[in-house]
Amino acid sequence: TRYAESRGLVIEQGYLDASGRVLAGKSITIRLTDHLYV
């Protein structure tokens, strides 16, 4: 989350603050489809 180009793997929007940190009390979902299938 320190780098904007890495945040494309996060599905939900609005779960990060202006610095890209994950907000307290939130769950983010990370897509793994670039690496795995089923």
PDB file of all heavy atoms in Angstrom:
ATOM      1  N   THR A   1       0.808  -1.225   0.000  1.00  0.00           N
ATOM      2  CA  THR A   1       0.000   0.000   0.000  1.00  0.00           C
ATOM      3  C   THR A   1       0.842   1.276   0.000  1.00  0.00           C
ATOM      4  O   THR A   1       0.286   2.373  -0.126  1.00  0.00           O
ATOM      5  CB  THR A   1      -0.936   0.017   1.223  1.00  0.00           C
ATOM      6  OG1 THR A   1      -0.152  -0.024   2.423  1.00  0.00           O
ATOM      7  CG2 THR A   1      -1.888  -1.163   1.186  1.00  0.00           C
ATOM      8  N   ARG A   2       2.159   1.167   0.092  1.00  0.00           N
ATOM      9  CA  ARG A   2       3.009   2.357   0.042  1.00  0.00           C
ATOM     10  C   ARG A   2       3.116   2.909  -1.371  1.00  0.00           C
ATOM     11  O   ARG A   2       3.495   4.075  -1.556  1.00  0.00           O
ATOM     12  CB  ARG A   2       4.409   2.035   0.570  1.00  0.00           C
ATOM     13  CG  ARG A   2       4.443   1.581   2.028  1.00  0.00           C
ATOM     14  CD  ARG A   2       5.832   1.119   2.409  1.00  0.00           C
ATOM     15  NE  ARG A   2       6.259  -0.016   1.595  1.00  0.00           N
ATOM     16  CZ  ARG A   2       7.493  -0.536   1.636  1.00  0.00           C
ATOM     17  NH1 ARG A   2       8.403  -0.018   2.443  1.00  0.00           N
ATOM     18  NH2 ARG A   2       7.803  -1.571   0.869  1.00  0.00           N
ATOM     19  N   TYR A   3       2.790   2.086  -2.380  1.00  0.00           N
ATOM     20  CA  TYR A   3       2.957   2.492  -3.769  1.00  0.00           C
ATOM     21  C   TYR A   3       1.637   2.335  -4.513  1.00  0.00           C
ATOM     22  O   TYR A   3       0.992   1.286  -4.446  1.00  0.00           O
ATOM     23  CB  TYR A   3       4.037   1.655  -4.452  1.00  0.00           C
ATOM     24  CG  TYR A   3       5.354   1.686  -3.709  1.00  0.00           C
ATOM     25  CD1 TYR A   3       5.741   0.609  -2.916  1.00  0.00           C
ATOM     26  CD2 TYR A   3       6.191   2.790  -3.775  1.00  0.00           C
ATOM     27  CE1 TYR A   3       6.944   0.630  -2.221  1.00  0.00           C
ATOM     28  CE2 TYR A   3       7.396   2.835  -3.083  1.00  0.00           C
ATOM     29  CZ  TYR A   3       7.762   1.746  -2.312  1.00  0.00           C
ATOM     30  OH  TYR A   3       8.939   1.775  -1.619  1.00  0.00           O
ATOM     31  N   ALA A   4       1.270   3.373  -5.235  1.00  0.00           N
ATOM     32  CA  ALA A   4      -0.035   3.401  -5.892  1.00  0.00           C
ATOM     33  C   ALA A   4      -0.184   2.273  -6.911  1.00  0.00           C
ATOM     34  O   ALA A   4      -1.269   1.704  -7.074  1.00  0.00           O
ATOM     35  CB  ALA A   4      -0.246   4.753  -6.572  1.00  0.00           C
ATOM     36  N   GLU A   5       0.917   1.904  -7.623  1.00  0.00           N
ATOM     37  CA  GLU A   5       0.795   0.885  -8.658  1.00  0.00           C
ATOM     38  C   GLU A   5       0.455  -0.483  -8.090  1.00  0.00           C
ATOM     39  O   GLU A   5      -0.018  -1.363  -8.794  1.00  0.00           O
ATOM     40  CB  GLU A   5       2.084   0.802  -9.480  1.00  0.00           C
ATOM     41  CG  GLU A   5       3.321   0.424  -8.689  1.00  0.00           C
ATOM     42  CD  GLU A   5       4.059   1.623  -8.130  1.00  0.00           C
ATOM     43  OE1 GLU A   5       3.441   2.703  -8.028  1.00  0.00           O
ATOM     44  OE2 GLU A   5       5.249   1.478  -7.806  1.00  0.00           O
ATOM     45  N   SER A   6       0.706  -0.686  -6.794  1.00  0.00           N
ATOM     46  CA  SER A   6       0.402  -1.972  -6.183  1.00  0.00           C
ATOM     47  C   SER A   6      -1.043  -2.051  -5.724  1.00  0.00           C
ATOM     48  O   SER A   6      -1.555  -3.133  -5.495  1.00  0.00           O
ATOM     49  CB  SER A   6       1.318  -2.219  -4.985  1.00  0.00           C
ATOM     50  OG  SER A   6       1.003  -3.427  -4.343  1.00  0.00           O
ATOM     51  N   ARG A   7      -1.720  -0.926  -5.602  1.00  0.00           N
ATOM     52  CA  ARG A   7      -3.074  -0.926  -5.052  1.00  0.00           C
ATOM     53  C   ARG A   7      -4.111  -1.401  -6.049  1.00  0.00           C
ATOM     54  O   ARG A   7      -5.268  -1.551  -5.710  1.00  0.00           O
ATOM     55  CB  ARG A   7      -3.422   0.476  -4.548  1.00  0.00           C
ATOM     56  CG  ARG A   7      -2.501   0.961  -3.452  1.00  0.00           C
ATOM     57  CD  ARG A   7      -2.742   2.410  -3.116  1.00  0.00           C
ATOM     58  NE  ARG A   7      -1.555   2.972  -2.449  1.00  0.00           N
ATOM     59  CZ  ARG A   7      -1.290   4.259  -2.367  1.00  0.00           C
ATOM     60  NH1 ARG A   7      -2.122   5.142  -2.909  1.00  0.00           N
ATOM     61  NH2 ARG A   7      -0.200   4.676  -1.765  1.00  0.00           N
ATOM     62  N   GLY A   8      -3.692  -1.626  -7.293  1.00  0.00           N
ATOM     63  CA  GLY A   8      -4.634  -2.132  -8.279  1.00  0.00           C
ATOM     64  C   GLY A   8      -5.135  -3.527  -7.960  1.00  0.00           C
ATOM     65  O   GLY A   8      -6.150  -3.952  -8.496  1.00  0.00           O
ATOM     66  N   LEU A   9      -4.439  -4.239  -7.067  1.00  0.00           N
ATOM     67  CA  LEU A   9      -4.874  -5.575  -6.684  1.00  0.00           C
ATOM     68  C   LEU A   9      -5.976  -5.552  -5.641  1.00  0.00           C
ATOM     69  O   LEU A   9      -6.573  -6.568  -5.334  1.00  0.00           O
ATOM     70  CB  LEU A   9      -3.680  -6.386  -6.151  1.00  0.00           C
ATOM     71  CG  LEU A   9      -2.569  -6.682  -7.151  1.00  0.00           C
ATOM     72  CD1 LEU A   9      -1.418  -7.395  -6.465  1.00  0.00           C
ATOM     73  CD2 LEU A   9      -3.088  -7.533  -8.295  1.00  0.00           C
ATOM     74  N   VAL A  10      -6.245  -4.400  -5.083  1.00  0.00           N
ATOM     75  CA  VAL A  10      -7.276  -4.282  -4.063  1.00  0.00           C
ATOM     76  C   VAL A  10      -8.610  -4.023  -4.739  1.00  0.00           C
ATOM     77  O   VAL A  10      -8.744  -3.111  -5.559  1.00  0.00           O
ATOM     78  CB  VAL A  10      -6.949  -3.143  -3.073  1.00  0.00           C
ATOM     79  CG1 VAL A  10      -8.045  -3.024  -2.019  1.00  0.00           C
ATOM     80  CG2 VAL A  10      -5.601  -3.395  -2.420  1.00  0.00           C
ATOM     81  N   ILE A  11      -9.607  -4.843  -4.435  1.00  0.00           N
ATOM     82  CA  ILE A  11     -10.891  -4.745  -5.118  1.00  0.00           C
ATOM     83  C   ILE A  11     -11.697  -3.547  -4.611  1.00  0.00           C
ATOM     84  O   ILE A  11     -12.160  -2.721  -5.388  1.00  0.00           O
ATOM     85  CB  ILE A  11     -11.688  -6.047  -4.937  1.00  0.00           C
ATOM     86  CG1 ILE A  11     -10.953  -7.213  -5.619  1.00  0.00           C
ATOM     87  CG2 ILE A  11     -13.096  -5.907  -5.495  1.00  0.00           C
ATOM     88  CD1 ILE A  11     -11.599  -8.542  -5.397  1.00  0.00           C
ATOM     89  N   GLU A  12     -11.882  -3.456  -3.310  1.00  0.00           N
ATOM     90  CA  GLU A  12     -12.752  -2.422  -2.764  1.00  0.00           C
ATOM     91  C   GLU A  12     -12.151  -1.030  -2.935  1.00  0.00           C
ATOM     92  O   GLU A  12     -10.937  -0.839  -2.880  1.00  0.00           O
ATOM     93  CB  GLU A  12     -13.016  -2.674  -1.275  1.00  0.00           C
ATOM     94  CG  GLU A  12     -13.840  -3.909  -1.001  1.00  0.00           C
ATOM     95  CD  GLU A  12     -12.985  -5.156  -0.879  1.00  0.00           C
ATOM     96  OE1 GLU A  12     -11.767  -5.062  -1.095  1.00  0.00           O
ATOM     97  OE2 GLU A  12     -13.550  -6.206  -0.577  1.00  0.00           O
ATOM     98  N   GLN A  13     -12.999  -0.078  -3.143  1.00  0.00           N
ATOM     99  CA  GLN A  13     -12.601   1.322  -3.181  1.00  0.00           C
ATOM    100  C   GLN A  13     -13.068   2.002  -1.888  1.00  0.00           C
ATOM    101  O   GLN A  13     -14.065   1.627  -1.290  1.00  0.00           O
ATOM    102  CB  GLN A  13     -13.230   2.021  -4.392  1.00  0.00           C
ATOM    103  CG  GLN A  13     -12.842   1.402  -5.723  1.00  0.00           C
ATOM    104  CD  GLN A  13     -11.359   1.494  -6.003  1.00  0.00           C
ATOM    105  OE1 GLN A  13     -10.735   2.529  -5.730  1.00  0.00           O
ATOM    106  NE2 GLN A  13     -10.778   0.436  -6.538  1.00  0.00           N
ATOM    107  N   GLY A  14     -12.319   3.021  -1.471  1.00  0.00           N
ATOM    108  CA  GLY A  14     -12.714   3.761  -0.280  1.00  0.00           C
ATOM    109  C   GLY A  14     -12.259   3.146   1.022  1.00  0.00           C
ATOM    110  O   GLY A  14     -12.693   3.585   2.091  1.00  0.00           O
ATOM    111  N   TYR A  15     -11.382   2.116   0.932  1.00  0.00           N
ATOM    112  CA  TYR A  15     -10.883   1.486   2.147  1.00  0.00           C
ATOM    113  C   TYR A  15      -9.471   1.921   2.482  1.00  0.00           C
ATOM    114  O   TYR A  15      -8.882   1.435   3.444  1.00  0.00           O
ATOM    115  CB  TYR A  15     -10.931  -0.030   2.005  1.00  0.00           C
ATOM    116  CG  TYR A  15     -12.312  -0.624   2.171  1.00  0.00           C
ATOM    117  CD1 TYR A  15     -13.463   0.129   1.923  1.00  0.00           C
ATOM    118  CD2 TYR A  15     -12.486  -1.930   2.589  1.00  0.00           C
ATOM    119  CE1 TYR A  15     -14.716  -0.415   2.059  1.00  0.00           C
ATOM    120  CE2 TYR A  15     -13.736  -2.487   2.739  1.00  0.00           C
ATOM    121  CZ  TYR A  15     -14.862  -1.715   2.471  1.00  0.00           C
ATOM    122  OH  TYR A  15     -16.123  -2.260   2.629  1.00  0.00           O
ATOM    123  N   LEU A  16      -8.922   2.862   1.696  1.00  0.00           N
ATOM    124  CA  LEU A  16      -7.583   3.383   1.929  1.00  0.00           C
ATOM    125  C   LEU A  16      -7.661   4.873   2.212  1.00  0.00           C
ATOM    126  O   LEU A  16      -8.527   5.571   1.674  1.00  0.00           O
ATOM    127  CB  LEU A  16      -6.692   3.137   0.705  1.00  0.00           C
ATOM    128  CG  LEU A  16      -6.597   1.699   0.184  1.00  0.00           C
ATOM    129  CD1 LEU A  16      -5.727   1.659  -1.061  1.00  0.00           C
ATOM    130  CD2 LEU A  16      -6.060   0.766   1.252  1.00  0.00           C
ATOM    131  N   ASP A  17      -6.722   5.369   3.044  1.00  0.00           N
ATOM    132  CA  ASP A  17      -6.676   6.816   3.265  1.00  0.00           C
ATOM    133  C   ASP A  17      -5.866   7.482   2.152  1.00  0.00           C
ATOM    134  O   ASP A  17      -5.426   6.824   1.201  1.00  0.00           O
ATOM    135  CB  ASP A  17      -6.123   7.143   4.657  1.00  0.00           C
ATOM    136  CG  ASP A  17      -4.649   6.790   4.819  1.00  0.00           C
ATOM    137  OD1 ASP A  17      -3.998   6.413   3.818  1.00  0.00           O
ATOM    138  OD2 ASP A  17      -4.149   6.879   5.957  1.00  0.00           O
ATOM    139  N   ALA A  18      -5.643   8.786   2.269  1.00  0.00           N
ATOM    140  CA  ALA A  18      -4.960   9.526   1.211  1.00  0.00           C
ATOM    141  C   ALA A  18      -3.526   9.047   1.006  1.00  0.00           C
ATOM    142  O   ALA A  18      -2.968   9.206  -0.089  1.00  0.00           O
ATOM    143  CB  ALA A  18      -4.974  11.018   1.535  1.00  0.00           C
ATOM    144  N   SER A  19      -2.912   8.448   2.015  1.00  0.00           N
ATOM    145  CA  SER A  19      -1.543   7.934   1.903  1.00  0.00           C
ATOM    146  C   SER A  19      -1.504   6.487   1.429  1.00  0.00           C
ATOM    147  O   SER A  19      -0.420   5.913   1.291  1.00  0.00           O
ATOM    148  CB  SER A  19      -0.829   8.039   3.256  1.00  0.00           C
ATOM    149  OG  SER A  19      -0.776   9.393   3.685  1.00  0.00           O
ATOM    150  N   GLY A  20      -2.677   5.893   1.202  1.00  0.00           N
ATOM    151  CA  GLY A  20      -2.733   4.508   0.745  1.00  0.00           C
ATOM    152  C   GLY A  20      -2.795   3.501   1.867  1.00  0.00           C
ATOM    153  O   GLY A  20      -2.831   2.294   1.603  1.00  0.00           O
ATOM    154  N   ARG A  21      -2.817   3.971   3.124  1.00  0.00           N
ATOM    155  CA  ARG A  21      -2.876   3.032   4.246  1.00  0.00           C
ATOM    156  C   ARG A  21      -4.276   2.433   4.350  1.00  0.00           C
ATOM    157  O   ARG A  21      -5.271   3.073   4.038  1.00  0.00           O
ATOM    158  CB  ARG A  21      -2.509   3.745   5.546  1.00  0.00           C
ATOM    159  CG  ARG A  21      -1.102   4.284   5.596  1.00  0.00           C
ATOM    160  CD  ARG A  21      -0.813   4.978   6.917  1.00  0.00           C
ATOM    161  NE  ARG A  21      -1.735   6.101   7.134  1.00  0.00           N
ATOM    162  CZ  ARG A  21      -1.776   6.834   8.255  1.00  0.00           C
ATOM    163  NH1 ARG A  21      -0.944   6.530   9.265  1.00  0.00           N
ATOM    164  NH2 ARG A  21      -2.619   7.840   8.363  1.00  0.00           N
ATOM    165  N   VAL A  22      -4.337   1.190   4.802  1.00  0.00           N
ATOM    166  CA  VAL A  22      -5.618   0.543   5.033  1.00  0.00           C
ATOM    167  C   VAL A  22      -6.246   1.163   6.279  1.00  0.00           C
ATOM    168  O   VAL A  22      -5.618   1.252   7.336  1.00  0.00           O
ATOM    169  CB  VAL A  22      -5.453  -0.972   5.214  1.00  0.00           C
ATOM    170  CG1 VAL A  22      -6.813  -1.632   5.432  1.00  0.00           C
ATOM    171  CG2 VAL A  22      -4.763  -1.576   3.995  1.00  0.00           C
ATOM    172  N   LEU A  23      -7.492   1.595   6.151  1.00  0.00           N
ATOM    173  CA  LEU A  23      -8.162   2.266   7.249  1.00  0.00           C
ATOM    174  C   LEU A  23      -8.491   1.300   8.382  1.00  0.00           C
ATOM    175  O   LEU A  23      -8.735   0.111   8.157  1.00  0.00           O
ATOM    176  CB  LEU A  23      -9.451   2.919   6.750  1.00  0.00           C
ATOM    177  CG  LEU A  23      -9.263   4.090   5.775  1.00  0.00           C
ATOM    178  CD1 LEU A  23     -10.603   4.515   5.198  1.00  0.00           C
ATOM    179  CD2 LEU A  23      -8.569   5.258   6.477  1.00  0.00           C
ATOM    180  N   ALA A  24      -8.487   1.824   9.600  1.00  0.00           N
ATOM    181  CA  ALA A  24      -8.789   1.019  10.785  1.00  0.00           C
ATOM    182  C   ALA A  24     -10.176   0.407  10.672  1.00  0.00           C
ATOM    183  O   ALA A  24     -11.133   1.053  10.240  1.00  0.00           O
ATOM    184  CB  ALA A  24      -8.690   1.886  12.036  1.00  0.00           C
ATOM    185  N   GLY A  25     -10.269  -0.881  11.026  1.00  0.00           N
ATOM    186  CA  GLY A  25     -11.550  -1.565  11.038  1.00  0.00           C
ATOM    187  C   GLY A  25     -12.043  -1.996   9.671  1.00  0.00           C
ATOM    188  O   GLY A  25     -13.211  -2.373   9.535  1.00  0.00           O
ATOM    189  N   LYS A  26     -11.179  -1.964   8.665  1.00  0.00           N
ATOM    190  CA  LYS A  26     -11.573  -2.331   7.313  1.00  0.00           C
ATOM    191  C   LYS A  26     -10.873  -3.610   6.855  1.00  0.00           C
ATOM    192  O   LYS A  26      -9.744  -3.899   7.251  1.00  0.00           O
ATOM    193  CB  LYS A  26     -11.246  -1.210   6.330  1.00  0.00           C
ATOM    194  CG  LYS A  26     -11.959   0.108   6.618  1.00  0.00           C
ATOM    195  CD  LYS A  26     -13.464  -0.021   6.368  1.00  0.00           C
ATOM    196  CE  LYS A  26     -14.141   1.321   6.513  1.00  0.00           C
ATOM    197  NZ  LYS A  26     -15.613   1.236   6.257  1.00  0.00           N
ATOM    198  N   SER A  27     -11.560  -4.358   5.985  1.00  0.00           N
ATOM    199  CA  SER A  27     -10.976  -5.511   5.310  1.00  0.00           C
ATOM    200  C   SER A  27     -10.840  -5.192   3.828  1.00  0.00           C
ATOM    201  O   SER A  27     -11.783  -4.678   3.217  1.00  0.00           O
ATOM    202  CB  SER A  27     -11.853  -6.754   5.464  1.00  0.00           C
ATOM    203  OG  SER A  27     -11.826  -7.244   6.784  1.00  0.00           O
ATOM    204  N   ILE A  28      -9.689  -5.454   3.261  1.00  0.00           N
ATOM    205  CA  ILE A  28      -9.493  -5.306   1.828  1.00  0.00           C
ATOM    206  C   ILE A  28      -9.357  -6.697   1.212  1.00  0.00           C
ATOM    207  O   ILE A  28      -8.908  -7.637   1.874  1.00  0.00           O
ATOM    208  CB  ILE A  28      -8.253  -4.455   1.502  1.00  0.00           C
ATOM    209  CG1 ILE A  28      -6.993  -5.070   2.120  1.00  0.00           C
ATOM    210  CG2 ILE A  28      -8.438  -3.025   1.965  1.00  0.00           C
ATOM    211  CD1 ILE A  28      -5.712  -4.394   1.684  1.00  0.00           C
ATOM    212  N   THR A  29      -9.760  -6.815  -0.027  1.00  0.00           N
ATOM    213  CA  THR A  29      -9.676  -8.090  -0.730  1.00  0.00           C
ATOM    214  C   THR A  29      -8.625  -7.987  -1.821  1.00  0.00           C
ATOM    215  O   THR A  29      -8.604  -7.027  -2.583  1.00  0.00           O
ATOM    216  CB  THR A  29     -11.037  -8.464  -1.348  1.00  0.00           C
ATOM    217  OG1 THR A  29     -12.015  -8.512  -0.314  1.00  0.00           O
ATOM    218  CG2 THR A  29     -10.958  -9.814  -2.043  1.00  0.00           C
ATOM    219  N   ILE A  30      -7.742  -8.984  -1.881  1.00  0.00           N
ATOM    220  CA  ILE A  30      -6.628  -8.961  -2.820  1.00  0.00           C
ATOM    221  C   ILE A  30      -6.857 -10.028  -3.883  1.00  0.00           C
ATOM    222  O   ILE A  30      -6.991 -11.221  -3.569  1.00  0.00           O
ATOM    223  CB  ILE A  30      -5.292  -9.220  -2.096  1.00  0.00           C
ATOM    224  CG1 ILE A  30      -5.117  -8.218  -0.966  1.00  0.00           C
ATOM    225  CG2 ILE A  30      -4.129  -9.147  -3.077  1.00  0.00           C
ATOM    226  CD1 ILE A  30      -3.915  -8.520  -0.093  1.00  0.00           C
ATOM    227  N   ARG A  31      -6.893  -9.622  -5.139  1.00  0.00           N
ATOM    228  CA  ARG A  31      -7.017 -10.566  -6.247  1.00  0.00           C
ATOM    229  C   ARG A  31      -5.690 -11.281  -6.457  1.00  0.00           C
ATOM    230  O   ARG A  31      -4.629 -10.672  -6.488  1.00  0.00           O
ATOM    231  CB  ARG A  31      -7.413  -9.828  -7.529  1.00  0.00           C
ATOM    232  CG  ARG A  31      -8.813  -9.249  -7.508  1.00  0.00           C
ATOM    233  CD  ARG A  31      -9.202  -8.785  -8.911  1.00  0.00           C
ATOM    234  NE  ARG A  31      -8.361  -7.674  -9.347  1.00  0.00           N
ATOM    235  CZ  ARG A  31      -8.725  -6.392  -9.264  1.00  0.00           C
ATOM    236  NH1 ARG A  31      -9.894  -6.078  -8.751  1.00  0.00           N
ATOM    237  NH2 ARG A  31      -7.916  -5.435  -9.695  1.00  0.00           N
ATOM    238  N   LEU A  32      -5.766 -12.594  -6.667  1.00  0.00           N
ATOM    239  CA  LEU A  32      -4.567 -13.401  -6.914  1.00  0.00           C
ATOM    240  C   LEU A  32      -4.586 -14.012  -8.312  1.00  0.00           C
ATOM    241  O   LEU A  32      -3.783 -14.899  -8.620  1.00  0.00           O
ATOM    242  CB  LEU A  32      -4.461 -14.520  -5.866  1.00  0.00           C
ATOM    243  CG  LEU A  32      -4.485 -14.071  -4.406  1.00  0.00           C
ATOM    244  CD1 LEU A  32      -4.430 -15.278  -3.481  1.00  0.00           C
ATOM    245  CD2 LEU A  32      -3.350 -13.114  -4.110  1.00  0.00           C
ATOM    246  N   THR A  33      -5.468 -13.532  -9.173  1.00  0.00           N
ATOM    247  CA  THR A  33      -5.672 -14.156 -10.474  1.00  0.00           C
ATOM    248  C   THR A  33      -4.483 -13.977 -11.416  1.00  0.00           C
ATOM    249  O   THR A  33      -4.425 -14.663 -12.444  1.00  0.00           O
ATOM    250  CB  THR A  33      -6.942 -13.604 -11.137  1.00  0.00           C
ATOM    251  OG1 THR A  33      -6.946 -12.166 -11.049  1.00  0.00           O
ATOM    252  CG2 THR A  33      -8.171 -14.125 -10.427  1.00  0.00           C
ATOM    253  N   ASP A  34      -3.567 -13.073 -11.124  1.00  0.00           N
ATOM    254  CA  ASP A  34      -2.349 -12.984 -11.926  1.00  0.00           C
ATOM    255  C   ASP A  34      -1.417 -14.166 -11.666  1.00  0.00           C
ATOM    256  O   ASP A  34      -0.500 -14.424 -12.456  1.00  0.00           O
ATOM    257  CB  ASP A  34      -1.593 -11.685 -11.622  1.00  0.00           C
ATOM    258  CG  ASP A  34      -2.274 -10.474 -12.231  1.00  0.00           C
ATOM    259  OD1 ASP A  34      -3.177 -10.653 -13.074  1.00  0.00           O
ATOM    260  OD2 ASP A  34      -1.910  -9.337 -11.860  1.00  0.00           O
ATOM    261  N   HIS A  35      -1.642 -14.873 -10.564  1.00  0.00           N
ATOM    262  CA  HIS A  35      -0.718 -15.913 -10.136  1.00  0.00           C
ATOM    263  C   HIS A  35      -1.374 -17.291 -10.026  1.00  0.00           C
ATOM    264  O   HIS A  35      -0.695 -18.308 -10.186  1.00  0.00           O
ATOM    265  CB  HIS A  35      -0.112 -15.545  -8.781  1.00  0.00           C
ATOM    266  CG  HIS A  35       0.388 -14.140  -8.719  1.00  0.00           C
ATOM    267  ND1 HIS A  35       1.579 -13.754  -9.272  1.00  0.00           N
ATOM    268  CD2 HIS A  35      -0.173 -13.011  -8.188  1.00  0.00           C
ATOM    269  CE1 HIS A  35       1.764 -12.454  -9.073  1.00  0.00           C
ATOM    270  NE2 HIS A  35       0.714 -11.992  -8.422  1.00  0.00           N
ATOM    271  N   LEU A  36      -2.686 -17.334  -9.752  1.00  0.00           N
ATOM    272  CA  LEU A  36      -3.352 -18.594  -9.439  1.00  0.00           C
ATOM    273  C   LEU A  36      -4.654 -18.706 -10.199  1.00  0.00           C
ATOM    274  O   LEU A  36      -5.233 -17.701 -10.622  1.00  0.00           O
ATOM    275  CB  LEU A  36      -3.651 -18.685  -7.936  1.00  0.00           C
ATOM    276  CG  LEU A  36      -2.527 -18.345  -6.963  1.00  0.00           C
ATOM    277  CD1 LEU A  36      -3.082 -18.255  -5.557  1.00  0.00           C
ATOM    278  CD2 LEU A  36      -1.422 -19.386  -7.038  1.00  0.00           C
ATOM    279  N   TYR A  37      -5.115 -19.953 -10.314  1.00  0.00           N
ATOM    280  CA  TYR A  37      -6.436 -20.202 -10.878  1.00  0.00           C
ATOM    281  C   TYR A  37      -7.045 -21.389 -10.151  1.00  0.00           C
ATOM    282  O   TYR A  37      -6.517 -22.492 -10.190  1.00  0.00           O
ATOM    283  CB  TYR A  37      -6.353 -20.485 -12.379  1.00  0.00           C
ATOM    284  CG  TYR A  37      -7.686 -20.804 -13.004  1.00  0.00           C
ATOM    285  CD1 TYR A  37      -8.661 -19.827 -13.158  1.00  0.00           C
ATOM    286  CD2 TYR A  37      -7.983 -22.106 -13.426  1.00  0.00           C
ATOM    287  CE1 TYR A  37      -9.885 -20.113 -13.724  1.00  0.00           C
ATOM    288  CE2 TYR A  37      -9.209 -22.404 -13.989  1.00  0.00           C
ATOM    289  CZ  TYR A  37     -10.154 -21.406 -14.139  1.00  0.00           C
ATOM    290  OH  TYR A  37     -11.377 -21.695 -14.681  1.00  0.00           O
ATOM    291  N   VAL A  38      -8.142 -21.146  -9.447  1.00  0.00           N
ATOM    292  CA  VAL A  38      -8.852 -22.162  -8.674  1.00  0.00           C
ATOM    293  C   VAL A  38      -7.893 -22.847  -7.697  1.00  0.00           C
ATOM    294  O   VAL A  38      -7.778 -24.076  -7.643  1.00  0.00           O
ATOM    295  CB  VAL A  38      -9.543 -23.199  -9.582  1.00  0.00           C
ATOM    296  CG1 VAL A  38     -10.551 -24.026  -8.786  1.00  0.00           C
ATOM    297  CG2 VAL A  38     -10.257 -22.528 -10.741  1.00  0.00           C
TER     298      VAL A  38
END
